[in-house]
Amino acid sequence: MDHTSDPNAMRYVIDPNRLDLVDEFRTSPLGIHSPDLRALLAKMRWGRAQGRLVLVVLEAGKAWRLSRIPERRGDPMPFVDDRIFTSLAEAEWHVFKIRWQAMTGISLPAEYQGDL
């Protein structure tokens, strides 16, 4: 079972006051995470595929771009914007912030708004 099909993810409730988890992810977006952060990330990544944010590899290990999985299989994957990431950690942090806003309805405080 992966993070997109974990039935426990559906039941997890994101606490927008848990900025300690935001700090942990920001410090190490690609690292080993605590159980609480793993649960948060599973919730953020869980659900139907269509419309899900994904990172598209433009150049292996060098460039990524944010896209969404299309409604119909085989349709083009629309890019979200024109930004090209040259750091996977930076790209993951960007996606985390978007998902946080979408799922909590609350923007992260100003000190979290910038890049890594």
PDB file of N, CA and C in Angstrom:
ATOM      1  N   MET A   1       0.847  -1.176   0.000  1.00  0.00           N
ATOM      2  CA  MET A   1       0.000   0.000   0.000  1.00  0.00           C
ATOM      3  C   MET A   1       0.893   1.240   0.000  1.00  0.00           C
ATOM      4  N   ASP A   2       0.539   2.226  -0.825  1.00  0.00           N
ATOM      5  CA  ASP A   2       1.318   3.462  -0.858  1.00  0.00           C
ATOM      6  C   ASP A   2       0.514   4.600  -0.236  1.00  0.00           C
ATOM      7  N   HIS A   3       1.133   5.780  -0.201  1.00  0.00           N
ATOM      8  CA  HIS A   3       0.496   6.924   0.455  1.00  0.00           C
ATOM      9  C   HIS A   3      -0.791   7.364  -0.224  1.00  0.00           C
ATOM     10  N   THR A   4      -0.999   7.008  -1.492  1.00  0.00           N
ATOM     11  CA  THR A   4      -2.202   7.451  -2.192  1.00  0.00           C
ATOM     12  C   THR A   4      -3.383   6.523  -1.955  1.00  0.00           C
ATOM     13  N   SER A   5      -3.155   5.360  -1.349  1.00  0.00           N
ATOM     14  CA  SER A   5      -4.250   4.421  -1.114  1.00  0.00           C
ATOM     15  C   SER A   5      -4.383   4.027   0.359  1.00  0.00           C
ATOM     16  N   ASP A   6      -3.682   4.700   1.239  1.00  0.00           N
ATOM     17  CA  ASP A   6      -3.725   4.390   2.667  1.00  0.00           C
ATOM     18  C   ASP A   6      -5.081   4.805   3.235  1.00  0.00           C
ATOM     19  N   PRO A   7      -5.916   3.849   3.676  1.00  0.00           N
ATOM     20  CA  PRO A   7      -7.240   4.211   4.187  1.00  0.00           C
ATOM     21  C   PRO A   7      -7.179   5.077   5.441  1.00  0.00           C
ATOM     22  N   ASN A   8      -6.083   5.015   6.193  1.00  0.00           N
ATOM     23  CA  ASN A   8      -5.951   5.862   7.379  1.00  0.00           C
ATOM     24  C   ASN A   8      -5.778   7.330   7.015  1.00  0.00           C
ATOM     25  N   ALA A   9      -5.248   7.602   5.831  1.00  0.00           N
ATOM     26  CA  ALA A   9      -5.044   8.988   5.404  1.00  0.00           C
ATOM     27  C   ALA A   9      -6.368   9.729   5.311  1.00  0.00           C
ATOM     28  N   MET A  10      -7.404   9.036   4.890  1.00  0.00           N
ATOM     29  CA  MET A  10      -8.708   9.669   4.743  1.00  0.00           C
ATOM     30  C   MET A  10      -9.211  10.205   6.081  1.00  0.00           C
ATOM     31  N   ARG A  11      -8.920   9.508   7.153  1.00  0.00           N
ATOM     32  CA  ARG A  11      -9.433   9.891   8.474  1.00  0.00           C
ATOM     33  C   ARG A  11      -8.574  10.935   9.188  1.00  0.00           C
ATOM     34  N   TYR A  12      -7.360  11.129   8.737  1.00  0.00           N
ATOM     35  CA  TYR A  12      -6.452  12.070   9.393  1.00  0.00           C
ATOM     36  C   TYR A  12      -6.975  13.497   9.227  1.00  0.00           C
ATOM     37  N   VAL A  13      -6.998  14.243  10.311  1.00  0.00           N
ATOM     38  CA  VAL A  13      -7.439  15.641  10.282  1.00  0.00           C
ATOM     39  C   VAL A  13      -6.209  16.525  10.444  1.00  0.00           C
ATOM     40  N   ILE A  14      -6.012  17.424   9.498  1.00  0.00           N
ATOM     41  CA  ILE A  14      -4.861  18.330   9.548  1.00  0.00           C
ATOM     42  C   ILE A  14      -5.129  19.426  10.571  1.00  0.00           C
ATOM     43  N   ASP A  15      -4.234  19.567  11.510  1.00  0.00           N
ATOM     44  CA  ASP A  15      -4.318  20.622  12.516  1.00  0.00           C
ATOM     45  C   ASP A  15      -3.479  21.797  12.023  1.00  0.00           C
ATOM     46  N   PRO A  16      -4.122  22.908  11.616  1.00  0.00           N
ATOM     47  CA  PRO A  16      -3.361  24.042  11.083  1.00  0.00           C
ATOM     48  C   PRO A  16      -2.452  24.717  12.100  1.00  0.00           C
ATOM     49  N   ASN A  17      -2.567  24.345  13.366  1.00  0.00           N
ATOM     50  CA  ASN A  17      -1.681  24.890  14.396  1.00  0.00           C
ATOM     51  C   ASN A  17      -0.379  24.108  14.522  1.00  0.00           C
ATOM     52  N   ARG A  18      -0.263  22.986  13.826  1.00  0.00           N
ATOM     53  CA  ARG A  18       0.935  22.143  13.933  1.00  0.00           C
ATOM     54  C   ARG A  18       2.047  22.673  13.023  1.00  0.00           C
ATOM     55  N   LEU A  19       2.474  23.885  13.304  1.00  0.00           N
ATOM     56  CA  LEU A  19       3.553  24.484  12.513  1.00  0.00           C
ATOM     57  C   LEU A  19       4.878  23.779  12.749  1.00  0.00           C
ATOM     58  N   ASP A  20       4.963  22.979  13.813  1.00  0.00           N
ATOM     59  CA  ASP A  20       6.166  22.176  14.018  1.00  0.00           C
ATOM     60  C   ASP A  20       6.347  21.182  12.870  1.00  0.00           C
ATOM     61  N   LEU A  21       5.241  20.689  12.319  1.00  0.00           N
ATOM     62  CA  LEU A  21       5.324  19.771  11.180  1.00  0.00           C
ATOM     63  C   LEU A  21       5.737  20.511   9.913  1.00  0.00           C
ATOM     64  N   VAL A  22       5.277  21.742   9.784  1.00  0.00           N
ATOM     65  CA  VAL A  22       5.703  22.579   8.654  1.00  0.00           C
ATOM     66  C   VAL A  22       7.203  22.826   8.751  1.00  0.00           C
ATOM     67  N   ASP A  23       7.671  23.157   9.948  1.00  0.00           N
ATOM     68  CA  ASP A  23       9.111  23.366  10.161  1.00  0.00           C
ATOM     69  C   ASP A  23       9.907  22.115   9.813  1.00  0.00           C
ATOM     70  N   GLU A  24       9.410  20.970  10.257  1.00  0.00           N
ATOM     71  CA  GLU A  24      10.114  19.714   9.986  1.00  0.00           C
ATOM     72  C   GLU A  24      10.213  19.459   8.485  1.00  0.00           C
ATOM     73  N   PHE A  25       9.110  19.657   7.764  1.00  0.00           N
ATOM     74  CA  PHE A  25       9.138  19.421   6.321  1.00  0.00           C
ATOM     75  C   PHE A  25      10.043  20.426   5.621  1.00  0.00           C
ATOM     76  N   ARG A  26       9.930  21.686   6.024  1.00  0.00           N
ATOM     77  CA  ARG A  26      10.752  22.721   5.384  1.00  0.00           C
ATOM     78  C   ARG A  26      12.244  22.449   5.590  1.00  0.00           C
ATOM     79  N   THR A  27      12.601  21.960   6.761  1.00  0.00           N
ATOM     80  CA  THR A  27      13.996  21.652   7.064  1.00  0.00           C
ATOM     81  C   THR A  27      14.513  20.495   6.221  1.00  0.00           C
ATOM     82  N   SER A  28      13.644  19.535   5.950  1.00  0.00           N
ATOM     83  CA  SER A  28      14.084  18.334   5.233  1.00  0.00           C
ATOM     84  C   SER A  28      12.954  17.768   4.370  1.00  0.00           C
ATOM     85  N   PRO A  29      12.644  18.431   3.248  1.00  0.00           N
ATOM     86  CA  PRO A  29      11.542  17.955   2.406  1.00  0.00           C
ATOM     87  C   PRO A  29      11.752  16.549   1.852  1.00  0.00           C
ATOM     88  N   LEU A  30      13.004  16.151   1.689  1.00  0.00           N
ATOM     89  CA  LEU A  30      13.295  14.850   1.091  1.00  0.00           C
ATOM     90  C   LEU A  30      13.807  13.841   2.106  1.00  0.00           C
ATOM     91  N   GLY A  31      13.794  14.217   3.368  1.00  0.00           N
ATOM     92  CA  GLY A  31      14.407  13.381   4.394  1.00  0.00           C
ATOM     93  C   GLY A  31      13.469  12.363   4.999  1.00  0.00           C
ATOM     94  N   ILE A  32      13.962  11.726   6.037  1.00  0.00           N
ATOM     95  CA  ILE A  32      13.152  10.800   6.820  1.00  0.00           C
ATOM     96  C   ILE A  32      12.309  11.645   7.763  1.00  0.00           C
ATOM     97  N   HIS A  33      11.004  11.358   7.807  1.00  0.00           N
ATOM     98  CA  HIS A  33      10.088  12.192   8.566  1.00  0.00           C
ATOM     99  C   HIS A  33       9.523  11.458   9.775  1.00  0.00           C
ATOM    100  N   SER A  34       9.107  12.247  10.754  1.00  0.00           N
ATOM    101  CA  SER A  34       8.477  11.710  11.961  1.00  0.00           C
ATOM    102  C   SER A  34       7.140  11.065  11.598  1.00  0.00           C
ATOM    103  N   PRO A  35       6.619  10.210  12.480  1.00  0.00           N
ATOM    104  CA  PRO A  35       5.309   9.605  12.211  1.00  0.00           C
ATOM    105  C   PRO A  35       4.204  10.639  11.996  1.00  0.00           C
ATOM    106  N   ASP A  36       4.214  11.727  12.772  1.00  0.00           N
ATOM    107  CA  ASP A  36       3.184  12.756  12.604  1.00  0.00           C
ATOM    108  C   ASP A  36       3.285  13.424  11.240  1.00  0.00           C
ATOM    109  N   LEU A  37       4.495  13.725  10.796  1.00  0.00           N
ATOM    110  CA  LEU A  37       4.652  14.345   9.483  1.00  0.00           C
ATOM    111  C   LEU A  37       4.298  13.352   8.381  1.00  0.00           C
ATOM    112  N   ARG A  38       4.650  12.098   8.544  1.00  0.00           N
ATOM    113  CA  ARG A  38       4.275  11.088   7.539  1.00  0.00           C
ATOM    114  C   ARG A  38       2.759  11.003   7.404  1.00  0.00           C
ATOM    115  N   ALA A  39       2.043  11.089   8.523  1.00  0.00           N
ATOM    116  CA  ALA A  39       0.574  11.052   8.483  1.00  0.00           C
ATOM    117  C   ALA A  39       0.024  12.281   7.760  1.00  0.00           C
ATOM    118  N   LEU A  40       0.595  13.446   8.038  1.00  0.00           N
ATOM    119  CA  LEU A  40       0.178  14.671   7.361  1.00  0.00           C
ATOM    120  C   LEU A  40       0.420  14.564   5.859  1.00  0.00           C
ATOM    121  N   LEU A  41       1.594  14.110   5.463  1.00  0.00           N
ATOM    122  CA  LEU A  41       1.917  13.990   4.040  1.00  0.00           C
ATOM    123  C   LEU A  41       1.028  12.964   3.351  1.00  0.00           C
ATOM    124  N   ALA A  42       0.716  11.870   4.029  1.00  0.00           N
ATOM    125  CA  ALA A  42      -0.185  10.874   3.442  1.00  0.00           C
ATOM    126  C   ALA A  42      -1.548  11.497   3.168  1.00  0.00           C
ATOM    127  N   LYS A  43      -2.046  12.297   4.102  1.00  0.00           N
ATOM    128  CA  LYS A  43      -3.329  12.980   3.911  1.00  0.00           C
ATOM    129  C   LYS A  43      -3.248  13.939   2.727  1.00  0.00           C
ATOM    130  N   MET A  44      -2.164  14.704   2.657  1.00  0.00           N
ATOM    131  CA  MET A  44      -2.017  15.672   1.571  1.00  0.00           C
ATOM    132  C   MET A  44      -1.942  14.993   0.202  1.00  0.00           C
ATOM    133  N   ARG A  45      -1.400  13.797   0.167  1.00  0.00           N
ATOM    134  CA  ARG A  45      -1.182  13.097  -1.110  1.00  0.00           C
ATOM    135  C   ARG A  45      -2.283  12.098  -1.437  1.00  0.00           C
ATOM    136  N   TRP A  46      -3.233  11.915  -0.530  1.00  0.00           N
ATOM    137  CA  TRP A  46      -4.256  10.899  -0.679  1.00  0.00           C
ATOM    138  C   TRP A  46      -5.400  11.417  -1.535  1.00  0.00           C
ATOM    139  N   GLY A  47      -6.091  10.511  -2.175  1.00  0.00           N
ATOM    140  CA  GLY A  47      -7.298  10.880  -2.900  1.00  0.00           C
ATOM    141  C   GLY A  47      -7.251  10.448  -4.349  1.00  0.00           C
ATOM    142  N   ARG A  48      -8.263  10.857  -5.063  1.00  0.00           N
ATOM    143  CA  ARG A  48      -8.343  10.462  -6.471  1.00  0.00           C
ATOM    144  C   ARG A  48      -7.214  11.105  -7.253  1.00  0.00           C
ATOM    145  N   ALA A  49      -6.806  10.440  -8.285  1.00  0.00           N
ATOM    146  CA  ALA A  49      -5.656  10.902  -9.059  1.00  0.00           C
ATOM    147  C   ALA A  49      -5.969  12.174  -9.840  1.00  0.00           C
ATOM    148  N   GLN A  50      -7.138  12.240 -10.452  1.00  0.00           N
ATOM    149  CA  GLN A  50      -7.464  13.372 -11.307  1.00  0.00           C
ATOM    150  C   GLN A  50      -7.385  14.692 -10.543  1.00  0.00           C
ATOM    151  N   GLY A  51      -6.640  15.619 -11.099  1.00  0.00           N
ATOM    152  CA  GLY A  51      -6.481  16.928 -10.488  1.00  0.00           C
ATOM    153  C   GLY A  51      -5.357  17.022  -9.475  1.00  0.00           C
ATOM    154  N   ARG A  52      -4.766  15.882  -9.130  1.00  0.00           N
ATOM    155  CA  ARG A  52      -3.694  15.869  -8.135  1.00  0.00           C
ATOM    156  C   ARG A  52      -2.466  16.592  -8.675  1.00  0.00           C
ATOM    157  N   LEU A  53      -1.830  17.366  -7.802  1.00  0.00           N
ATOM    158  CA  LEU A  53      -0.577  18.028  -8.160  1.00  0.00           C
ATOM    159  C   LEU A  53       0.540  17.008  -8.249  1.00  0.00           C
ATOM    160  N   VAL A  54       1.342  17.130  -9.288  1.00  0.00           N
ATOM    161  CA  VAL A  54       2.492  16.245  -9.482  1.00  0.00           C
ATOM    162  C   VAL A  54       3.653  17.064 -10.023  1.00  0.00           C
ATOM    163  N   LEU A  55       4.841  16.561  -9.802  1.00  0.00           N
ATOM    164  CA  LEU A  55       6.031  17.185 -10.371  1.00  0.00           C
ATOM    165  C   LEU A  55       6.453  16.388 -11.598  1.00  0.00           C
ATOM    166  N   VAL A  56       6.599  17.081 -12.700  1.00  0.00           N
ATOM    167  CA  VAL A  56       7.013  16.463 -13.952  1.00  0.00           C
ATOM    168  C   VAL A  56       8.510  16.696 -14.119  1.00  0.00           C
ATOM    169  N   VAL A  57       9.239  15.630 -14.386  1.00  0.00           N
ATOM    170  CA  VAL A  57      10.683  15.735 -14.602  1.00  0.00           C
ATOM    171  C   VAL A  57      10.920  16.246 -16.016  1.00  0.00           C
ATOM    172  N   LEU A  58      11.570  17.399 -16.120  1.00  0.00           N
ATOM    173  CA  LEU A  58      11.938  17.946 -17.425  1.00  0.00           C
ATOM    174  C   LEU A  58      13.310  17.456 -17.842  1.00  0.00           C
ATOM    175  N   GLU A  59      14.209  17.379 -16.861  1.00  0.00           N
ATOM    176  CA  GLU A  59      15.562  16.874 -17.078  1.00  0.00           C
ATOM    177  C   GLU A  59      15.961  16.129 -15.803  1.00  0.00           C
ATOM    178  N   ALA A  60      16.251  14.861 -15.940  1.00  0.00           N
ATOM    179  CA  ALA A  60      16.502  14.005 -14.775  1.00  0.00           C
ATOM    180  C   ALA A  60      17.514  14.617 -13.810  1.00  0.00           C
ATOM    181  N   GLY A  61      17.064  14.788 -12.559  1.00  0.00           N
ATOM    182  CA  GLY A  61      17.921  15.308 -11.506  1.00  0.00           C
ATOM    183  C   GLY A  61      18.242  16.784 -11.601  1.00  0.00           C
ATOM    184  N   LYS A  62      17.634  17.482 -12.576  1.00  0.00           N
ATOM    185  CA  LYS A  62      18.007  18.889 -12.785  1.00  0.00           C
ATOM    186  C   LYS A  62      16.836  19.858 -12.893  1.00  0.00           C
ATOM    187  N   ALA A  63      15.698  19.413 -13.404  1.00  0.00           N
ATOM    188  CA  ALA A  63      14.610  20.364 -13.639  1.00  0.00           C
ATOM    189  C   ALA A  63      13.252  19.683 -13.504  1.00  0.00           C
ATOM    190  N   TRP A  64      12.323  20.365 -12.802  1.00  0.00           N
ATOM    191  CA  TRP A  64      10.975  19.868 -12.572  1.00  0.00           C
ATOM    192  C   TRP A  64       9.985  21.000 -12.800  1.00  0.00           C
ATOM    193  N   ARG A  65       8.755  20.600 -13.135  1.00  0.00           N
ATOM    194  CA  ARG A  65       7.699  21.583 -13.328  1.00  0.00           C
ATOM    195  C   ARG A  65       6.408  21.036 -12.725  1.00  0.00           C
ATOM    196  N   LEU A  66       5.621  21.916 -12.141  1.00  0.00           N
ATOM    197  CA  LEU A  66       4.386  21.527 -11.467  1.00  0.00           C
ATOM    198  C   LEU A  66       3.259  21.355 -12.479  1.00  0.00           C
ATOM    199  N   SER A  67       2.550  20.238 -12.344  1.00  0.00           N
ATOM    200  CA  SER A  67       1.455  19.914 -13.253  1.00  0.00           C
ATOM    201  C   SER A  67       0.318  19.298 -12.449  1.00  0.00           C
ATOM    202  N   ARG A  68      -0.774  19.015 -13.134  1.00  0.00           N
ATOM    203  CA  ARG A  68      -1.904  18.301 -12.532  1.00  0.00           C
ATOM    204  C   ARG A  68      -2.222  17.077 -13.385  1.00  0.00           C
ATOM    205  N   ILE A  69      -2.622  16.016 -12.724  1.00  0.00           N
ATOM    206  CA  ILE A  69      -3.059  14.832 -13.456  1.00  0.00           C
ATOM    207  C   ILE A  69      -4.390  15.182 -14.125  1.00  0.00           C
ATOM    208  N   PRO A  70      -4.519  14.927 -15.424  1.00  0.00           N
ATOM    209  CA  PRO A  70      -5.741  15.319 -16.138  1.00  0.00           C
ATOM    210  C   PRO A  70      -6.950  14.476 -15.731  1.00  0.00           C
ATOM    211  N   GLU A  71      -8.121  14.989 -16.049  1.00  0.00           N
ATOM    212  CA  GLU A  71      -9.362  14.285 -15.744  1.00  0.00           C
ATOM    213  C   GLU A  71      -9.451  12.959 -16.491  1.00  0.00           C
ATOM    214  N   ARG A  72      -9.016  12.955 -17.738  1.00  0.00           N
ATOM    215  CA  ARG A  72      -9.095  11.732 -18.543  1.00  0.00           C
ATOM    216  C   ARG A  72      -7.706  11.188 -18.808  1.00  0.00           C
ATOM    217  N   ARG A  73      -7.541   9.911 -18.567  1.00  0.00           N
ATOM    218  CA  ARG A  73      -6.272   9.233 -18.832  1.00  0.00           C
ATOM    219  C   ARG A  73      -5.885   9.431 -20.297  1.00  0.00           C
ATOM    220  N   GLY A  74      -4.628   9.783 -20.510  1.00  0.00           N
ATOM    221  CA  GLY A  74      -4.136   9.988 -21.864  1.00  0.00           C
ATOM    222  C   GLY A  74      -4.185  11.432 -22.325  1.00  0.00           C
ATOM    223  N   ASP A  75      -4.959  12.274 -21.629  1.00  0.00           N
ATOM    224  CA  ASP A  75      -4.988  13.699 -21.975  1.00  0.00           C
ATOM    225  C   ASP A  75      -3.678  14.343 -21.541  1.00  0.00           C
ATOM    226  N   PRO A  76      -3.326  15.467 -22.156  1.00  0.00           N
ATOM    227  CA  PRO A  76      -2.100  16.166 -21.749  1.00  0.00           C
ATOM    228  C   PRO A  76      -2.181  16.591 -20.282  1.00  0.00           C
ATOM    229  N   MET A  77      -1.027  16.606 -19.644  1.00  0.00           N
ATOM    230  CA  MET A  77      -0.957  17.054 -18.255  1.00  0.00           C
ATOM    231  C   MET A  77      -0.712  18.563 -18.254  1.00  0.00           C
ATOM    232  N   PRO A  78      -1.691  19.341 -17.798  1.00  0.00           N
ATOM    233  CA  PRO A  78      -1.530  20.796 -17.828  1.00  0.00           C
ATOM    234  C   PRO A  78      -0.551  21.285 -16.760  1.00  0.00           C
ATOM    235  N   PHE A  79       0.345  22.159 -17.169  1.00  0.00           N
ATOM    236  CA  PHE A  79       1.251  22.773 -16.207  1.00  0.00           C
ATOM    237  C   PHE A  79       0.487  23.825 -15.420  1.00  0.00           C
ATOM    238  N   VAL A  80       0.825  23.970 -14.154  1.00  0.00           N
ATOM    239  CA  VAL A  80       0.150  24.904 -13.259  1.00  0.00           C
ATOM    240  C   VAL A  80       0.596  26.335 -13.536  1.00  0.00           C
ATOM    241  N   ASP A  81       1.884  26.508 -13.825  1.00  0.00           N
ATOM    242  CA  ASP A  81       2.440  27.829 -14.103  1.00  0.00           C
ATOM    243  C   ASP A  81       3.702  27.660 -14.941  1.00  0.00           C
ATOM    244  N   ASP A  82       4.455  28.726 -15.105  1.00  0.00           N
ATOM    245  CA  ASP A  82       5.662  28.681 -15.939  1.00  0.00           C
ATOM    246  C   ASP A  82       6.935  28.392 -15.153  1.00  0.00           C
ATOM    247  N   ARG A  83       6.824  28.241 -13.851  1.00  0.00           N
ATOM    248  CA  ARG A  83       8.018  28.072 -13.019  1.00  0.00           C
ATOM    249  C   ARG A  83       8.699  26.724 -13.274  1.00  0.00           C
ATOM    250  N   ILE A  84      10.017  26.766 -13.395  1.00  0.00           N
ATOM    251  CA  ILE A  84      10.831  25.558 -13.511  1.00  0.00           C
ATOM    252  C   ILE A  84      11.717  25.494 -12.273  1.00  0.00           C
ATOM    253  N   PHE A  85      11.649  24.376 -11.568  1.00  0.00           N
ATOM    254  CA  PHE A  85      12.439  24.176 -10.356  1.00  0.00           C
ATOM    255  C   PHE A  85      13.737  23.476 -10.711  1.00  0.00           C
ATOM    256  N   THR A  86      14.823  23.956 -10.137  1.00  0.00           N
ATOM    257  CA  THR A  86      16.122  23.306 -10.339  1.00  0.00           C
ATOM    258  C   THR A  86      16.563  22.563  -9.081  1.00  0.00           C
ATOM    259  N   SER A  87      15.685  22.522  -8.100  1.00  0.00           N
ATOM    260  CA  SER A  87      15.921  21.786  -6.853  1.00  0.00           C
ATOM    261  C   SER A  87      14.655  20.996  -6.538  1.00  0.00           C
ATOM    262  N   LEU A  88      14.780  19.685  -6.392  1.00  0.00           N
ATOM    263  CA  LEU A  88      13.617  18.871  -6.050  1.00  0.00           C
ATOM    264  C   LEU A  88      13.077  19.262  -4.677  1.00  0.00           C
ATOM    265  N   ALA A  89      13.950  19.559  -3.737  1.00  0.00           N
ATOM    266  CA  ALA A  89      13.510  19.981  -2.405  1.00  0.00           C
ATOM    267  C   ALA A  89      12.671  21.255  -2.494  1.00  0.00           C
ATOM    268  N   GLU A  90      13.105  22.201  -3.296  1.00  0.00           N
ATOM    269  CA  GLU A  90      12.355  23.449  -3.482  1.00  0.00           C
ATOM    270  C   GLU A  90      10.992  23.172  -4.109  1.00  0.00           C
ATOM    271  N   ALA A  91      10.960  22.286  -5.089  1.00  0.00           N
ATOM    272  CA  ALA A  91       9.699  21.930  -5.740  1.00  0.00           C
ATOM    273  C   ALA A  91       8.742  21.276  -4.743  1.00  0.00           C
ATOM    274  N   GLU A  92       9.249  20.363  -3.935  1.00  0.00           N
ATOM    275  CA  GLU A  92       8.413  19.694  -2.936  1.00  0.00           C
ATOM    276  C   GLU A  92       7.890  20.685  -1.897  1.00  0.00           C
ATOM    277  N   TRP A  93       8.714  21.646  -1.495  1.00  0.00           N
ATOM    278  CA  TRP A  93       8.287  22.679  -0.543  1.00  0.00           C
ATOM    279  C   TRP A  93       7.170  23.521  -1.156  1.00  0.00           C
ATOM    280  N   HIS A  94       7.300  23.864  -2.417  1.00  0.00           N
ATOM    281  CA  HIS A  94       6.280  24.654  -3.115  1.00  0.00           C
ATOM    282  C   HIS A  94       4.943  23.899  -3.126  1.00  0.00           C
ATOM    283  N   VAL A  95       4.978  22.624  -3.463  1.00  0.00           N
ATOM    284  CA  VAL A  95       3.761  21.806  -3.493  1.00  0.00           C
ATOM    285  C   VAL A  95       3.164  21.694  -2.091  1.00  0.00           C
ATOM    286  N   PHE A  96       3.994  21.516  -1.085  1.00  0.00           N
ATOM    287  CA  PHE A  96       3.528  21.424   0.299  1.00  0.00           C
ATOM    288  C   PHE A  96       2.719  22.668   0.664  1.00  0.00           C
ATOM    289  N   LYS A  97       3.229  23.845   0.335  1.00  0.00           N
ATOM    290  CA  LYS A  97       2.542  25.097   0.680  1.00  0.00           C
ATOM    291  C   LYS A  97       1.191  25.196  -0.024  1.00  0.00           C
ATOM    292  N   ILE A  98       1.141  24.790  -1.283  1.00  0.00           N
ATOM    293  CA  ILE A  98      -0.125  24.819  -2.023  1.00  0.00           C
ATOM    294  C   ILE A  98      -1.137  23.872  -1.382  1.00  0.00           C
ATOM    295  N   ARG A  99      -0.695  22.668  -1.078  1.00  0.00           N
ATOM    296  CA  ARG A  99      -1.599  21.687  -0.472  1.00  0.00           C
ATOM    297  C   ARG A  99      -2.059  22.133   0.916  1.00  0.00           C
ATOM    298  N   TRP A 100      -1.164  22.713   1.699  1.00  0.00           N
ATOM    299  CA  TRP A 100      -1.529  23.201   3.041  1.00  0.00           C
ATOM    300  C   TRP A 100      -2.671  24.207   2.930  1.00  0.00           C
ATOM    301  N   GLN A 101      -2.519  25.175   2.054  1.00  0.00           N
ATOM    302  CA  GLN A 101      -3.549  26.203   1.858  1.00  0.00           C
ATOM    303  C   GLN A 101      -4.867  25.567   1.408  1.00  0.00           C
ATOM    304  N   ALA A 102      -4.785  24.665   0.442  1.00  0.00           N
ATOM    305  CA  ALA A 102      -5.987  24.037  -0.101  1.00  0.00           C
ATOM    306  C   ALA A 102      -6.712  23.183   0.938  1.00  0.00           C
ATOM    307  N   MET A 103      -5.969  22.512   1.790  1.00  0.00           N
ATOM    308  CA  MET A 103      -6.586  21.560   2.711  1.00  0.00           C
ATOM    309  C   MET A 103      -6.968  22.152   4.061  1.00  0.00           C
ATOM    310  N   THR A 104      -6.317  23.233   4.457  1.00  0.00           N
ATOM    311  CA  THR A 104      -6.661  23.855   5.742  1.00  0.00           C
ATOM    312  C   THR A 104      -7.492  25.117   5.558  1.00  0.00           C
ATOM    313  N   GLY A 105      -7.410  25.707   4.367  1.00  0.00           N
ATOM    314  CA  GLY A 105      -8.085  26.979   4.136  1.00  0.00           C
ATOM    315  C   GLY A 105      -7.340  28.147   4.764  1.00  0.00           C
ATOM    316  N   ILE A 106      -6.144  27.882   5.254  1.00  0.00           N
ATOM    317  CA  ILE A 106      -5.352  28.895   5.951  1.00  0.00           C
ATOM    318  C   ILE A 106      -3.983  28.997   5.295  1.00  0.00           C
ATOM    319  N   SER A 107      -3.581  30.223   4.991  1.00  0.00           N
ATOM    320  CA  SER A 107      -2.235  30.430   4.461  1.00  0.00           C
ATOM    321  C   SER A 107      -1.224  30.262   5.577  1.00  0.00           C
ATOM    322  N   LEU A 108      -0.078  29.728   5.230  1.00  0.00           N
ATOM    323  CA  LEU A 108       1.004  29.650   6.207  1.00  0.00           C
ATOM    324  C   LEU A 108       1.457  31.060   6.562  1.00  0.00           C
ATOM    325  N   PRO A 109       1.954  31.274   7.780  1.00  0.00           N
ATOM    326  CA  PRO A 109       2.460  32.593   8.164  1.00  0.00           C
ATOM    327  C   PRO A 109       3.546  33.081   7.200  1.00  0.00           C
ATOM    328  N   ALA A 110       3.762  34.377   7.195  1.00  0.00           N
ATOM    329  CA  ALA A 110       4.685  35.021   6.249  1.00  0.00           C
ATOM    330  C   ALA A 110       6.071  34.397   6.244  1.00  0.00           C
ATOM    331  N   GLU A 111       6.556  33.976   7.402  1.00  0.00           N
ATOM    332  CA  GLU A 111       7.914  33.425   7.456  1.00  0.00           C
ATOM    333  C   GLU A 111       8.049  32.109   6.686  1.00  0.00           C
ATOM    334  N   TYR A 112       6.923  31.508   6.298  1.00  0.00           N
ATOM    335  CA  TYR A 112       6.958  30.260   5.530  1.00  0.00           C
ATOM    336  C   TYR A 112       6.681  30.476   4.039  1.00  0.00           C
ATOM    337  N   GLN A 113       6.394  31.684   3.644  1.00  0.00           N
ATOM    338  CA  GLN A 113       5.955  31.929   2.272  1.00  0.00           C
ATOM    339  C   GLN A 113       7.061  31.879   1.230  1.00  0.00           C
ATOM    340  N   GLY A 114       8.282  32.136   1.611  1.00  0.00           N
ATOM    341  CA  GLY A 114       9.373  32.172   0.642  1.00  0.00           C
ATOM    342  C   GLY A 114       9.861  30.798   0.232  1.00  0.00           C
ATOM    343  N   ASP A 115      10.868  30.823  -0.611  1.00  0.00           N
ATOM    344  CA  ASP A 115      11.518  29.595  -1.042  1.00  0.00           C
ATOM    345  C   ASP A 115      12.433  29.090   0.065  1.00  0.00           C
ATOM    346  N   LEU A 116      12.964  27.901  -0.132  1.00  0.00           N
ATOM    347  CA  LEU A 116      13.897  27.336   0.851  1.00  0.00           C
ATOM    348  C   LEU A 116      15.175  28.133   0.909  1.00  0.00           C
TER     349      LEU A 116
END
